[in-house]
Amino acid sequence: MDFVTELTIFVLAAFVGFEVISKVPTTLHTPLMSQTNAIHGIVMLGGLIVVGYADDALEDVIGFIAIAFGTINIVGGFMVTDRMLGMFSRKEKPRPDGGEPPPDGGGTGS
């Protein structure tokens, strides 16, 4: 493929990606982060393929940028997902007497 075709595919992919992501409501953004990690994995794979078949420095740079951005997005996505899931975990409340909670997790029932 020539440079104009590759640039056209890149611009169209960026435009479609922007349009799809901008339509996601903010309430669904964080839960979708774990799903988009797979998409960023595909971006990394594409970058590796581009670097593997690169004939000139421009293709090397574009592949490296794709790999770097994919890695940043994957790590960030897992961090956001972990933080989101941490919001739903039950935190142990400290006892007023400073002692350890009983192993059955409960009160003083008989």
PDB file of N, CA and C in Angstrom:
ATOM      1  N   MET A   1       0.838  -1.186   0.000  1.00  0.00           N
ATOM      2  CA  MET A   1       0.000   0.000   0.000  1.00  0.00           C
ATOM      3  C   MET A   1       0.877   1.241   0.000  1.00  0.00           C
ATOM      4  N   ASP A   2       0.361   2.262  -0.623  1.00  0.00           N
ATOM      5  CA  ASP A   2       1.121   3.508  -0.621  1.00  0.00           C
ATOM      6  C   ASP A   2       0.762   4.345   0.612  1.00  0.00           C
ATOM      7  N   PHE A   3       1.519   5.384   0.817  1.00  0.00           N
ATOM      8  CA  PHE A   3       1.385   6.204   2.026  1.00  0.00           C
ATOM      9  C   PHE A   3       0.010   6.849   2.136  1.00  0.00           C
ATOM     10  N   VAL A   4      -0.550   7.292   1.020  1.00  0.00           N
ATOM     11  CA  VAL A   4      -1.856   7.966   1.044  1.00  0.00           C
ATOM     12  C   VAL A   4      -2.938   6.996   1.520  1.00  0.00           C
ATOM     13  N   THR A   5      -2.892   5.769   1.076  1.00  0.00           N
ATOM     14  CA  THR A   5      -3.871   4.761   1.506  1.00  0.00           C
ATOM     15  C   THR A   5      -3.726   4.472   2.985  1.00  0.00           C
ATOM     16  N   GLU A   6      -2.497   4.310   3.453  1.00  0.00           N
ATOM     17  CA  GLU A   6      -2.275   4.041   4.875  1.00  0.00           C
ATOM     18  C   GLU A   6      -2.718   5.216   5.733  1.00  0.00           C
ATOM     19  N   LEU A   7      -2.435   6.434   5.296  1.00  0.00           N
ATOM     20  CA  LEU A   7      -2.852   7.621   6.033  1.00  0.00           C
ATOM     21  C   LEU A   7      -4.379   7.739   6.057  1.00  0.00           C
ATOM     22  N   THR A   8      -5.032   7.414   4.953  1.00  0.00           N
ATOM     23  CA  THR A   8      -6.494   7.450   4.897  1.00  0.00           C
ATOM     24  C   THR A   8      -7.107   6.459   5.864  1.00  0.00           C
ATOM     25  N   ILE A   9      -6.574   5.249   5.926  1.00  0.00           N
ATOM     26  CA  ILE A   9      -7.074   4.239   6.865  1.00  0.00           C
ATOM     27  C   ILE A   9      -6.872   4.702   8.296  1.00  0.00           C
ATOM     28  N   PHE A  10      -5.728   5.281   8.589  1.00  0.00           N
ATOM     29  CA  PHE A  10      -5.448   5.784   9.930  1.00  0.00           C
ATOM     30  C   PHE A  10      -6.426   6.882  10.335  1.00  0.00           C
ATOM     31  N   VAL A  11      -6.657   7.849   9.452  1.00  0.00           N
ATOM     32  CA  VAL A  11      -7.561   8.964   9.760  1.00  0.00           C
ATOM     33  C   VAL A  11      -8.991   8.456   9.928  1.00  0.00           C
ATOM     34  N   LEU A  12      -9.429   7.557   9.071  1.00  0.00           N
ATOM     35  CA  LEU A  12     -10.783   7.009   9.209  1.00  0.00           C
ATOM     36  C   LEU A  12     -10.935   6.210  10.499  1.00  0.00           C
ATOM     37  N   ALA A  13      -9.927   5.424  10.859  1.00  0.00           N
ATOM     38  CA  ALA A  13      -9.985   4.661  12.110  1.00  0.00           C
ATOM     39  C   ALA A  13     -10.034   5.588  13.312  1.00  0.00           C
ATOM     40  N   ALA A  14      -9.254   6.665  13.289  1.00  0.00           N
ATOM     41  CA  ALA A  14      -9.277   7.627  14.393  1.00  0.00           C
ATOM     42  C   ALA A  14     -10.634   8.306  14.478  1.00  0.00           C
ATOM     43  N   PHE A  15     -11.213   8.676  13.354  1.00  0.00           N
ATOM     44  CA  PHE A  15     -12.522   9.326  13.350  1.00  0.00           C
ATOM     45  C   PHE A  15     -13.615   8.391  13.859  1.00  0.00           C
ATOM     46  N   VAL A  16     -13.642   7.169  13.373  1.00  0.00           N
ATOM     47  CA  VAL A  16     -14.654   6.205  13.824  1.00  0.00           C
ATOM     48  C   VAL A  16     -14.486   5.919  15.313  1.00  0.00           C
ATOM     49  N   GLY A  17     -13.252   5.736  15.773  1.00  0.00           N
ATOM     50  CA  GLY A  17     -13.013   5.493  17.191  1.00  0.00           C
ATOM     51  C   GLY A  17     -13.488   6.644  18.057  1.00  0.00           C
ATOM     52  N   PHE A  18     -13.215   7.860  17.634  1.00  0.00           N
ATOM     53  CA  PHE A  18     -13.662   9.033  18.383  1.00  0.00           C
ATOM     54  C   PHE A  18     -15.182   9.106  18.426  1.00  0.00           C
ATOM     55  N   GLU A  19     -15.833   8.859  17.309  1.00  0.00           N
ATOM     56  CA  GLU A  19     -17.294   8.927  17.259  1.00  0.00           C
ATOM     57  C   GLU A  19     -17.932   7.846  18.137  1.00  0.00           C
ATOM     58  N   VAL A  20     -17.381   6.663  18.142  1.00  0.00           N
ATOM     59  CA  VAL A  20     -17.947   5.580  18.954  1.00  0.00           C
ATOM     60  C   VAL A  20     -17.776   5.881  20.438  1.00  0.00           C
ATOM     61  N   ILE A  21     -16.588   6.291  20.846  1.00  0.00           N
ATOM     62  CA  ILE A  21     -16.315   6.549  22.264  1.00  0.00           C
ATOM     63  C   ILE A  21     -17.078   7.768  22.761  1.00  0.00           C
ATOM     64  N   SER A  22     -17.240   8.781  21.931  1.00  0.00           N
ATOM     65  CA  SER A  22     -17.930   9.990  22.390  1.00  0.00           C
ATOM     66  C   SER A  22     -19.415   9.753  22.622  1.00  0.00           C
ATOM     67  N   LYS A  23     -19.969   8.689  22.069  1.00  0.00           N
ATOM     68  CA  LYS A  23     -21.391   8.395  22.257  1.00  0.00           C
ATOM     69  C   LYS A  23     -21.668   7.574  23.514  1.00  0.00           C
ATOM     70  N   VAL A  24     -20.631   7.147  24.234  1.00  0.00           N
ATOM     71  CA  VAL A  24     -20.813   6.344  25.441  1.00  0.00           C
ATOM     72  C   VAL A  24     -21.165   7.271  26.604  1.00  0.00           C
ATOM     73  N   PRO A  25     -22.287   7.007  27.296  1.00  0.00           N
ATOM     74  CA  PRO A  25     -22.625   7.842  28.458  1.00  0.00           C
ATOM     75  C   PRO A  25     -21.579   7.691  29.564  1.00  0.00           C
ATOM     76  N   THR A  26     -21.426   8.743  30.369  1.00  0.00           N
ATOM     77  CA  THR A  26     -20.404   8.718  31.416  1.00  0.00           C
ATOM     78  C   THR A  26     -20.679   7.636  32.455  1.00  0.00           C
ATOM     79  N   THR A  27     -21.935   7.254  32.654  1.00  0.00           N
ATOM     80  CA  THR A  27     -22.237   6.200  33.633  1.00  0.00           C
ATOM     81  C   THR A  27     -21.750   4.835  33.178  1.00  0.00           C
ATOM     82  N   LEU A  28     -21.555   4.663  31.893  1.00  0.00           N
ATOM     83  CA  LEU A  28     -21.075   3.381  31.370  1.00  0.00           C
ATOM     84  C   LEU A  28     -19.586   3.385  31.072  1.00  0.00           C
ATOM     85  N   HIS A  29     -18.937   4.535  31.180  1.00  0.00           N
ATOM     86  CA  HIS A  29     -17.545   4.628  30.768  1.00  0.00           C
ATOM     87  C   HIS A  29     -16.637   3.713  31.580  1.00  0.00           C
ATOM     88  N   THR A  30     -16.726   3.763  32.909  1.00  0.00           N
ATOM     89  CA  THR A  30     -15.826   2.959  33.736  1.00  0.00           C
ATOM     90  C   THR A  30     -16.061   1.459  33.574  1.00  0.00           C
ATOM     91  N   PRO A  31     -17.312   0.970  33.567  1.00  0.00           N
ATOM     92  CA  PRO A  31     -17.497  -0.471  33.347  1.00  0.00           C
ATOM     93  C   PRO A  31     -16.988  -0.947  31.989  1.00  0.00           C
ATOM     94  N   LEU A  32     -16.985  -0.075  31.002  1.00  0.00           N
ATOM     95  CA  LEU A  32     -16.512  -0.476  29.680  1.00  0.00           C
ATOM     96  C   LEU A  32     -14.994  -0.508  29.576  1.00  0.00           C
ATOM     97  N   MET A  33     -14.285   0.044  30.573  1.00  0.00           N
ATOM     98  CA  MET A  33     -12.829   0.056  30.520  1.00  0.00           C
ATOM     99  C   MET A  33     -12.259  -1.352  30.427  1.00  0.00           C
ATOM    100  N   SER A  34     -12.845  -2.287  31.175  1.00  0.00           N
ATOM    101  CA  SER A  34     -12.315  -3.647  31.128  1.00  0.00           C
ATOM    102  C   SER A  34     -12.524  -4.262  29.751  1.00  0.00           C
ATOM    103  N   GLN A  35     -13.596  -3.893  29.072  1.00  0.00           N
ATOM    104  CA  GLN A  35     -13.843  -4.424  27.734  1.00  0.00           C
ATOM    105  C   GLN A  35     -12.915  -3.795  26.701  1.00  0.00           C
ATOM    106  N   THR A  36     -12.592  -2.536  26.898  1.00  0.00           N
ATOM    107  CA  THR A  36     -11.733  -1.872  25.918  1.00  0.00           C
ATOM    108  C   THR A  36     -10.277  -2.302  26.048  1.00  0.00           C
ATOM    109  N   ASN A  37      -9.916  -2.955  27.146  1.00  0.00           N
ATOM    110  CA  ASN A  37      -8.554  -3.473  27.253  1.00  0.00           C
ATOM    111  C   ASN A  37      -8.266  -4.466  26.133  1.00  0.00           C
ATOM    112  N   ALA A  38      -9.261  -5.231  25.735  1.00  0.00           N
ATOM    113  CA  ALA A  38      -9.072  -6.174  24.621  1.00  0.00           C
ATOM    114  C   ALA A  38      -8.810  -5.419  23.320  1.00  0.00           C
ATOM    115  N   ILE A  39      -9.496  -4.297  23.130  1.00  0.00           N
ATOM    116  CA  ILE A  39      -9.287  -3.499  21.920  1.00  0.00           C
ATOM    117  C   ILE A  39      -7.864  -2.941  21.903  1.00  0.00           C
ATOM    118  N   HIS A  40      -7.383  -2.487  23.055  1.00  0.00           N
ATOM    119  CA  HIS A  40      -6.022  -1.952  23.109  1.00  0.00           C
ATOM    120  C   HIS A  40      -4.994  -3.054  22.918  1.00  0.00           C
ATOM    121  N   GLY A  41      -5.327  -4.268  23.312  1.00  0.00           N
ATOM    122  CA  GLY A  41      -4.454  -5.405  23.020  1.00  0.00           C
ATOM    123  C   GLY A  41      -4.330  -5.621  21.518  1.00  0.00           C
ATOM    124  N   ILE A  42      -5.428  -5.413  20.801  1.00  0.00           N
ATOM    125  CA  ILE A  42      -5.394  -5.526  19.341  1.00  0.00           C
ATOM    126  C   ILE A  42      -4.546  -4.401  18.751  1.00  0.00           C
ATOM    127  N   VAL A  43      -4.622  -3.205  19.340  1.00  0.00           N
ATOM    128  CA  VAL A  43      -3.780  -2.082  18.879  1.00  0.00           C
ATOM    129  C   VAL A  43      -2.307  -2.445  19.050  1.00  0.00           C
ATOM    130  N   MET A  44      -1.974  -3.034  20.197  1.00  0.00           N
ATOM    131  CA  MET A  44      -0.577  -3.434  20.422  1.00  0.00           C
ATOM    132  C   MET A  44      -0.139  -4.488  19.415  1.00  0.00           C
ATOM    133  N   LEU A  45      -1.004  -5.459  19.161  1.00  0.00           N
ATOM    134  CA  LEU A  45      -0.678  -6.494  18.178  1.00  0.00           C
ATOM    135  C   LEU A  45      -0.479  -5.883  16.795  1.00  0.00           C
ATOM    136  N   GLY A  46      -1.344  -4.937  16.431  1.00  0.00           N
ATOM    137  CA  GLY A  46      -1.180  -4.246  15.147  1.00  0.00           C
ATOM    138  C   GLY A  46       0.133  -3.483  15.077  1.00  0.00           C
ATOM    139  N   GLY A  47       0.506  -2.837  16.186  1.00  0.00           N
ATOM    140  CA  GLY A  47       1.786  -2.125  16.219  1.00  0.00           C
ATOM    141  C   GLY A  47       2.966  -3.067  16.058  1.00  0.00           C
ATOM    142  N   LEU A  48       2.877  -4.234  16.705  1.00  0.00           N
ATOM    143  CA  LEU A  48       3.952  -5.221  16.556  1.00  0.00           C
ATOM    144  C   LEU A  48       4.060  -5.716  15.121  1.00  0.00           C
ATOM    145  N   ILE A  49       2.914  -5.905  14.471  1.00  0.00           N
ATOM    146  CA  ILE A  49       2.925  -6.348  13.071  1.00  0.00           C
ATOM    147  C   ILE A  49       3.517  -5.257  12.181  1.00  0.00           C
ATOM    148  N   VAL A  50       3.138  -3.996  12.426  1.00  0.00           N
ATOM    149  CA  VAL A  50       3.682  -2.897  11.635  1.00  0.00           C
ATOM    150  C   VAL A  50       5.194  -2.822  11.792  1.00  0.00           C
ATOM    151  N   VAL A  51       5.670  -2.932  13.033  1.00  0.00           N
ATOM    152  CA  VAL A  51       7.117  -2.874  13.264  1.00  0.00           C
ATOM    153  C   VAL A  51       7.809  -4.071  12.619  1.00  0.00           C
ATOM    154  N   GLY A  52       7.176  -5.231  12.657  1.00  0.00           N
ATOM    155  CA  GLY A  52       7.781  -6.429  12.063  1.00  0.00           C
ATOM    156  C   GLY A  52       7.950  -6.328  10.558  1.00  0.00           C
ATOM    157  N   TYR A  53       6.996  -5.685   9.885  1.00  0.00           N
ATOM    158  CA  TYR A  53       7.057  -5.560   8.434  1.00  0.00           C
ATOM    159  C   TYR A  53       7.551  -4.194   7.973  1.00  0.00           C
ATOM    160  N   ALA A  54       8.075  -3.395   8.872  1.00  0.00           N
ATOM    161  CA  ALA A  54       8.476  -2.025   8.545  1.00  0.00           C
ATOM    162  C   ALA A  54       9.623  -2.004   7.542  1.00  0.00           C
ATOM    163  N   ASP A  55       9.483  -1.122   6.562  1.00  0.00           N
ATOM    164  CA  ASP A  55      10.531  -0.938   5.558  1.00  0.00           C
ATOM    165  C   ASP A  55      11.302   0.354   5.756  1.00  0.00           C
ATOM    166  N   ASP A  56      10.711   1.302   6.472  1.00  0.00           N
ATOM    167  CA  ASP A  56      11.404   2.571   6.676  1.00  0.00           C
ATOM    168  C   ASP A  56      11.166   3.083   8.088  1.00  0.00           C
ATOM    169  N   ALA A  57      11.792   4.196   8.400  1.00  0.00           N
ATOM    170  CA  ALA A  57      11.747   4.738   9.759  1.00  0.00           C
ATOM    171  C   ALA A  57      10.351   5.223  10.146  1.00  0.00           C
ATOM    172  N   LEU A  58       9.574   5.738   9.200  1.00  0.00           N
ATOM    173  CA  LEU A  58       8.228   6.225   9.506  1.00  0.00           C
ATOM    174  C   LEU A  58       7.348   5.091  10.018  1.00  0.00           C
ATOM    175  N   GLU A  59       7.422   3.947   9.388  1.00  0.00           N
ATOM    176  CA  GLU A  59       6.633   2.798   9.837  1.00  0.00           C
ATOM    177  C   GLU A  59       7.091   2.318  11.211  1.00  0.00           C
ATOM    178  N   ASP A  60       8.395   2.371  11.462  1.00  0.00           N
ATOM    179  CA  ASP A  60       8.900   2.020  12.795  1.00  0.00           C
ATOM    180  C   ASP A  60       8.345   2.965  13.858  1.00  0.00           C
ATOM    181  N   VAL A  61       8.334   4.255  13.556  1.00  0.00           N
ATOM    182  CA  VAL A  61       7.841   5.242  14.518  1.00  0.00           C
ATOM    183  C   VAL A  61       6.344   5.056  14.762  1.00  0.00           C
ATOM    184  N   ILE A  62       5.570   4.868  13.705  1.00  0.00           N
ATOM    185  CA  ILE A  62       4.129   4.666  13.856  1.00  0.00           C
ATOM    186  C   ILE A  62       3.850   3.391  14.659  1.00  0.00           C
ATOM    187  N   GLY A  63       4.564   2.328  14.379  1.00  0.00           N
ATOM    188  CA  GLY A  63       4.394   1.087  15.145  1.00  0.00           C
ATOM    189  C   GLY A  63       4.768   1.258  16.605  1.00  0.00           C
ATOM    190  N   PHE A  64       5.866   1.967  16.860  1.00  0.00           N
ATOM    191  CA  PHE A  64       6.277   2.205  18.242  1.00  0.00           C
ATOM    192  C   PHE A  64       5.245   3.034  18.995  1.00  0.00           C
ATOM    193  N   ILE A  65       4.693   4.053  18.338  1.00  0.00           N
ATOM    194  CA  ILE A  65       3.667   4.883  18.973  1.00  0.00           C
ATOM    195  C   ILE A  65       2.425   4.045  19.276  1.00  0.00           C
ATOM    196  N   ALA A  66       2.023   3.186  18.352  1.00  0.00           N
ATOM    197  CA  ALA A  66       0.858   2.321  18.587  1.00  0.00           C
ATOM    198  C   ALA A  66       1.103   1.386  19.768  1.00  0.00           C
ATOM    199  N   ILE A  67       2.297   0.822  19.842  1.00  0.00           N
ATOM    200  CA  ILE A  67       2.627  -0.077  20.953  1.00  0.00           C
ATOM    201  C   ILE A  67       2.637   0.697  22.275  1.00  0.00           C
ATOM    202  N   ALA A  68       3.232   1.880  22.288  1.00  0.00           N
ATOM    203  CA  ALA A  68       3.294   2.676  23.520  1.00  0.00           C
ATOM    204  C   ALA A  68       1.903   3.097  23.982  1.00  0.00           C
ATOM    205  N   PHE A  69       1.082   3.614  23.060  1.00  0.00           N
ATOM    206  CA  PHE A  69      -0.271   4.037  23.444  1.00  0.00           C
ATOM    207  C   PHE A  69      -1.124   2.849  23.874  1.00  0.00           C
ATOM    208  N   GLY A  70      -0.993   1.729  23.186  1.00  0.00           N
ATOM    209  CA  GLY A  70      -1.737   0.534  23.587  1.00  0.00           C
ATOM    210  C   GLY A  70      -1.350   0.072  24.979  1.00  0.00           C
ATOM    211  N   THR A  71      -0.059   0.095  25.275  1.00  0.00           N
ATOM    212  CA  THR A  71       0.406  -0.309  26.602  1.00  0.00           C
ATOM    213  C   THR A  71      -0.113   0.631  27.682  1.00  0.00           C
ATOM    214  N   ILE A  72      -0.026   1.928  27.427  1.00  0.00           N
ATOM    215  CA  ILE A  72      -0.520   2.912  28.399  1.00  0.00           C
ATOM    216  C   ILE A  72      -2.013   2.708  28.642  1.00  0.00           C
ATOM    217  N   ASN A  73      -2.771   2.499  27.594  1.00  0.00           N
ATOM    218  CA  ASN A  73      -4.212   2.319  27.746  1.00  0.00           C
ATOM    219  C   ASN A  73      -4.561   1.016  28.459  1.00  0.00           C
ATOM    220  N   ILE A  74      -3.825  -0.043  28.206  1.00  0.00           N
ATOM    221  CA  ILE A  74      -4.104  -1.312  28.882  1.00  0.00           C
ATOM    222  C   ILE A  74      -3.822  -1.181  30.375  1.00  0.00           C
ATOM    223  N   VAL A  75      -2.659  -0.638  30.723  1.00  0.00           N
ATOM    224  CA  VAL A  75      -2.312  -0.489  32.142  1.00  0.00           C
ATOM    225  C   VAL A  75      -3.295   0.452  32.839  1.00  0.00           C
ATOM    226  N   GLY A  76      -3.593   1.571  32.206  1.00  0.00           N
ATOM    227  CA  GLY A  76      -4.551   2.509  32.785  1.00  0.00           C
ATOM    228  C   GLY A  76      -5.935   1.905  32.918  1.00  0.00           C
ATOM    229  N   GLY A  77      -6.350   1.128  31.943  1.00  0.00           N
ATOM    230  CA  GLY A  77      -7.658   0.482  32.010  1.00  0.00           C
ATOM    231  C   GLY A  77      -7.753  -0.508  33.150  1.00  0.00           C
ATOM    232  N   PHE A  78      -6.697  -1.291  33.353  1.00  0.00           N
ATOM    233  CA  PHE A  78      -6.712  -2.225  34.477  1.00  0.00           C
ATOM    234  C   PHE A  78      -6.681  -1.488  35.809  1.00  0.00           C
ATOM    235  N   MET A  79      -5.974  -0.371  35.878  1.00  0.00           N
ATOM    236  CA  MET A  79      -5.937   0.398  37.127  1.00  0.00           C
ATOM    237  C   MET A  79      -7.308   0.989  37.448  1.00  0.00           C
ATOM    238  N   VAL A  80      -7.982   1.531  36.438  1.00  0.00           N
ATOM    239  CA  VAL A  80      -9.315   2.096  36.652  1.00  0.00           C
ATOM    240  C   VAL A  80     -10.305   0.996  37.024  1.00  0.00           C
ATOM    241  N   THR A  81     -10.221  -0.136  36.348  1.00  0.00           N
ATOM    242  CA  THR A  81     -11.126  -1.248  36.658  1.00  0.00           C
ATOM    243  C   THR A  81     -10.894  -1.749  38.072  1.00  0.00           C
ATOM    244  N   ASP A  82      -9.632  -1.866  38.490  1.00  0.00           N
ATOM    245  CA  ASP A  82      -9.339  -2.317  39.851  1.00  0.00           C
ATOM    246  C   ASP A  82      -9.870  -1.324  40.873  1.00  0.00           C
ATOM    247  N   ARG A  83      -9.717  -0.058  40.608  1.00  0.00           N
ATOM    248  CA  ARG A  83     -10.223   0.964  41.531  1.00  0.00           C
ATOM    249  C   ARG A  83     -11.750   0.922  41.598  1.00  0.00           C
ATOM    250  N   MET A  84     -12.380   0.718  40.442  1.00  0.00           N
ATOM    251  CA  MET A  84     -13.833   0.646  40.405  1.00  0.00           C
ATOM    252  C   MET A  84     -14.334  -0.559  41.204  1.00  0.00           C
ATOM    253  N   LEU A  85     -13.691  -1.692  41.020  1.00  0.00           N
ATOM    254  CA  LEU A  85     -14.101  -2.886  41.759  1.00  0.00           C
ATOM    255  C   LEU A  85     -13.822  -2.735  43.247  1.00  0.00           C
ATOM    256  N   GLY A  86     -12.783  -1.986  43.612  1.00  0.00           N
ATOM    257  CA  GLY A  86     -12.492  -1.729  45.013  1.00  0.00           C
ATOM    258  C   GLY A  86     -13.581  -0.916  45.691  1.00  0.00           C
ATOM    259  N   MET A  87     -14.314  -0.130  44.920  1.00  0.00           N
ATOM    260  CA  MET A  87     -15.413   0.646  45.489  1.00  0.00           C
ATOM    261  C   MET A  87     -16.554  -0.249  45.958  1.00  0.00           C
ATOM    262  N   PHE A  88     -16.656  -1.445  45.394  1.00  0.00           N
ATOM    263  CA  PHE A  88     -17.749  -2.338  45.741  1.00  0.00           C
ATOM    264  C   PHE A  88     -17.379  -3.343  46.822  1.00  0.00           C
ATOM    265  N   SER A  89     -16.123  -3.373  47.253  1.00  0.00           N
ATOM    266  CA  SER A  89     -15.733  -4.323  48.297  1.00  0.00           C
ATOM    267  C   SER A  89     -16.148  -3.786  49.655  1.00  0.00           C
ATOM    268  N   ARG A  90     -16.513  -4.690  50.522  1.00  0.00           N
ATOM    269  CA  ARG A  90     -16.960  -4.311  51.846  1.00  0.00           C
ATOM    270  C   ARG A  90     -15.744  -4.074  52.730  1.00  0.00           C
ATOM    271  N   LYS A  91     -15.715  -2.918  53.350  1.00  0.00           N
ATOM    272  CA  LYS A  91     -14.596  -2.592  54.217  1.00  0.00           C
ATOM    273  C   LYS A  91     -14.950  -2.985  55.653  1.00  0.00           C
ATOM    274  N   GLU A  92     -13.988  -3.563  56.350  1.00  0.00           N
ATOM    275  CA  GLU A  92     -14.168  -3.979  57.734  1.00  0.00           C
ATOM    276  C   GLU A  92     -14.152  -2.761  58.634  1.00  0.00           C
ATOM    277  N   LYS A  93     -15.198  -2.600  59.436  1.00  0.00           N
ATOM    278  CA  LYS A  93     -15.263  -1.461  60.347  1.00  0.00           C
ATOM    279  C   LYS A  93     -14.478  -1.782  61.612  1.00  0.00           C
ATOM    280  N   PRO A  94     -13.709  -0.803  62.109  1.00  0.00           N
ATOM    281  CA  PRO A  94     -12.952  -1.059  63.341  1.00  0.00           C
ATOM    282  C   PRO A  94     -13.907  -1.168  64.535  1.00  0.00           C
ATOM    283  N   ARG A  95     -13.558  -2.058  65.454  1.00  0.00           N
ATOM    284  CA  ARG A  95     -14.374  -2.237  66.664  1.00  0.00           C
ATOM    285  C   ARG A  95     -14.050  -1.143  67.658  1.00  0.00           C
ATOM    286  N   PRO A  96     -15.052  -0.707  68.411  1.00  0.00           N
ATOM    287  CA  PRO A  96     -14.798   0.370  69.374  1.00  0.00           C
ATOM    288  C   PRO A  96     -13.808  -0.015  70.469  1.00  0.00           C
ATOM    289  N   ASP A  97     -13.755  -1.317  70.819  1.00  0.00           N
ATOM    290  CA  ASP A  97     -12.829  -1.734  71.873  1.00  0.00           C
ATOM    291  C   ASP A  97     -11.426  -1.995  71.334  1.00  0.00           C
ATOM    292  N   GLY A  98     -11.229  -1.842  70.031  1.00  0.00           N
ATOM    293  CA  GLY A  98      -9.915  -2.031  69.436  1.00  0.00           C
ATOM    294  C   GLY A  98      -9.547  -3.481  69.206  1.00  0.00           C
ATOM    295  N   GLY A  99     -10.425  -4.417  69.527  1.00  0.00           N
ATOM    296  CA  GLY A  99     -10.127  -5.837  69.359  1.00  0.00           C
ATOM    297  C   GLY A  99     -10.396  -6.308  67.937  1.00  0.00           C
ATOM    298  N   GLU A 100     -10.011  -7.522  67.690  1.00  0.00           N
ATOM    299  CA  GLU A 100     -10.260  -8.139  66.386  1.00  0.00           C
ATOM    300  C   GLU A 100     -11.707  -8.589  66.299  1.00  0.00           C
ATOM    301  N   PRO A 101     -12.305  -8.490  65.109  1.00  0.00           N
ATOM    302  CA  PRO A 101     -13.668  -9.007  64.963  1.00  0.00           C
ATOM    303  C   PRO A 101     -13.662 -10.528  65.057  1.00  0.00           C
ATOM    304  N   PRO A 102     -14.746 -11.124  65.555  1.00  0.00           N
ATOM    305  CA  PRO A 102     -14.797 -12.584  65.639  1.00  0.00           C
ATOM    306  C   PRO A 102     -14.745 -13.211  64.242  1.00  0.00           C
ATOM    307  N   PRO A 103     -14.267 -14.464  64.135  1.00  0.00           N
ATOM    308  CA  PRO A 103     -14.122 -15.093  62.822  1.00  0.00           C
ATOM    309  C   PRO A 103     -15.443 -15.288  62.108  1.00  0.00           C
ATOM    310  N   ASP A 104     -16.554 -15.397  62.826  1.00  0.00           N
ATOM    311  CA  ASP A 104     -17.846 -15.577  62.153  1.00  0.00           C
ATOM    312  C   ASP A 104     -18.353 -14.253  61.582  1.00  0.00           C
ATOM    313  N   GLY A 105     -17.605 -13.169  61.798  1.00  0.00           N
ATOM    314  CA  GLY A 105     -17.905 -11.893  61.209  1.00  0.00           C
ATOM    315  C   GLY A 105     -19.061 -11.184  61.882  1.00  0.00           C
ATOM    316  N   GLY A 106     -19.371 -11.590  63.083  1.00  0.00           N
ATOM    317  CA  GLY A 106     -20.592 -11.017  63.559  1.00  0.00           C
ATOM    318  C   GLY A 106     -20.604 -10.578  64.990  1.00  0.00           C
ATOM    319  N   GLY A 107     -21.824 -10.511  65.387  1.00  0.00           N
ATOM    320  CA  GLY A 107     -22.101  -9.892  66.667  1.00  0.00           C
ATOM    321  C   GLY A 107     -21.960 -10.827  67.842  1.00  0.00           C
ATOM    322  N   THR A 108     -22.713 -10.497  68.836  1.00  0.00           N
ATOM    323  CA  THR A 108     -22.602 -11.213  70.118  1.00  0.00           C
ATOM    324  C   THR A 108     -23.766 -12.152  70.313  1.00  0.00           C
ATOM    325  N   GLY A 109     -24.412 -12.575  69.267  1.00  0.00           N
ATOM    326  CA  GLY A 109     -25.594 -13.442  69.363  1.00  0.00           C
ATOM    327  C   GLY A 109     -25.273 -14.777  69.982  1.00  0.00           C
ATOM    328  N   SER A 110     -26.330 -15.487  70.406  1.00  0.00           N
ATOM    329  CA  SER A 110     -26.134 -16.761  71.105  1.00  0.00           C
ATOM    330  C   SER A 110     -26.099 -17.933  70.216  1.00  0.00           C
TER     331      SER A 110
END
